[in-house]
């Protein structure tokens, strides 16, 4: 009878330890995944904004023509 109780207690302790290790490992993996997701969102947003800004000042756009006109005016004024 004593051996059966000892095996039962050992089995329960083993399940608890394995569960504790699994929970800690899962938390670490989810934390790393969260960092990866946040990093990907930040990098993706930066690429998106860079592309948008680059297209806004592309040759032939209204913004580019305004910049060129202002530069011409500035050069003429400072002769």
Protein backbone atom coordinates (compact mmCIF):
# COMPACT_ATOMS: atom_id res chain seq x y z
CA UNK A 1 0.00 0.00 0.00
CA UNK A 2 2.84 2.41 0.86
CA UNK A 3 4.52 1.82 -2.50
CA UNK A 4 1.29 2.62 -4.40
CA UNK A 5 0.86 5.91 -2.51
CA UNK A 6 4.51 6.80 -3.17
CA UNK A 7 4.09 6.14 -6.91
CA UNK A 8 0.87 8.18 -6.96
CA UNK A 9 2.54 11.13 -5.19
CA UNK A 10 5.56 10.86 -7.54
CA UNK A 11 3.27 10.80 -10.60
CA UNK A 12 1.33 13.85 -9.38
CA UNK A 13 4.57 15.69 -8.61
CA UNK A 14 5.89 14.79 -12.08
CA UNK A 15 2.74 16.13 -13.77
CA UNK A 16 2.98 19.35 -11.75
CA UNK A 17 6.66 19.84 -12.65
CA UNK A 18 6.07 19.09 -16.34
CA UNK A 19 3.09 21.47 -16.36
CA UNK A 20 5.13 24.21 -14.68
CA UNK A 21 7.95 23.81 -17.23
CA UNK A 22 5.46 23.80 -20.11
CA UNK A 23 3.76 26.98 -18.89
CA UNK A 24 7.09 28.79 -18.50
CA UNK A 25 8.22 27.66 -21.95
CA UNK A 26 4.91 28.73 -23.48
CA UNK A 27 5.15 32.16 -21.83
CA UNK A 28 8.68 32.61 -23.22
CA UNK A 29 7.57 31.61 -26.72
CA UNK A 30 4.52 33.89 -26.64
CA UNK A 31 6.67 36.76 -25.35
CA UNK A 32 9.19 36.27 -28.17
CA UNK A 33 6.35 36.05 -30.67
CA UNK A 34 4.89 39.31 -29.35
CA UNK A 35 8.27 41.05 -29.79
CA UNK A 36 8.50 39.71 -33.35
CA UNK A 37 4.99 40.92 -34.19
CA UNK A 38 5.62 44.39 -32.76
CA UNK A 39 8.96 44.59 -34.59
CA UNK A 40 7.36 43.54 -37.87
CA UNK A 41 4.60 46.14 -37.47
CA UNK A 42 7.15 48.89 -36.75
CA UNK A 43 9.38 47.95 -39.70
CA UNK A 44 6.39 47.55 -42.01
CA UNK A 45 5.04 50.94 -40.96
CA UNK A 46 8.41 52.55 -41.58
CA UNK A 47 8.64 51.03 -45.05
CA UNK A 48 5.09 52.15 -45.81
CA UNK A 49 5.74 55.70 -44.67
CA UNK A 50 9.05 55.86 -46.56
CA UNK A 51 7.35 54.71 -49.76
CA UNK A 52 4.54 57.19 -49.29
CA UNK A 53 6.97 60.06 -48.70
CA UNK A 54 9.10 59.04 -51.68
CA UNK A 55 6.06 58.94 -53.97
CA UNK A 56 4.88 62.31 -52.68
CA UNK A 57 8.11 64.02 -53.79
CA UNK A 58 8.54 62.07 -57.03
CA UNK A 59 9.27 64.03 -60.20
CA UNK A 60 6.15 65.52 -61.75
CA UNK A 61 4.08 65.60 -58.58
CA UNK A 62 2.59 68.81 -57.28
CA UNK A 63 4.83 68.73 -54.23
CA UNK A 64 7.97 68.35 -56.35
CA UNK A 65 6.94 71.23 -58.63
CA UNK A 66 6.34 73.44 -55.58
CA UNK A 67 9.77 72.55 -54.17
CA UNK A 68 11.43 73.36 -57.49
CA UNK A 69 9.53 76.66 -57.81
CA UNK A 70 10.51 77.65 -54.28
CA UNK A 71 14.13 76.80 -55.01
CA UNK A 72 14.09 78.92 -58.17
CA UNK A 73 12.53 81.82 -56.26
CA UNK A 74 15.09 81.49 -53.47
CA UNK A 75 17.99 81.43 -55.95
CA UNK A 76 16.64 84.48 -57.82
CA UNK A 77 16.14 86.42 -54.60
CA UNK A 78 19.66 85.70 -53.35
CA UNK A 79 21.58 86.75 -56.47
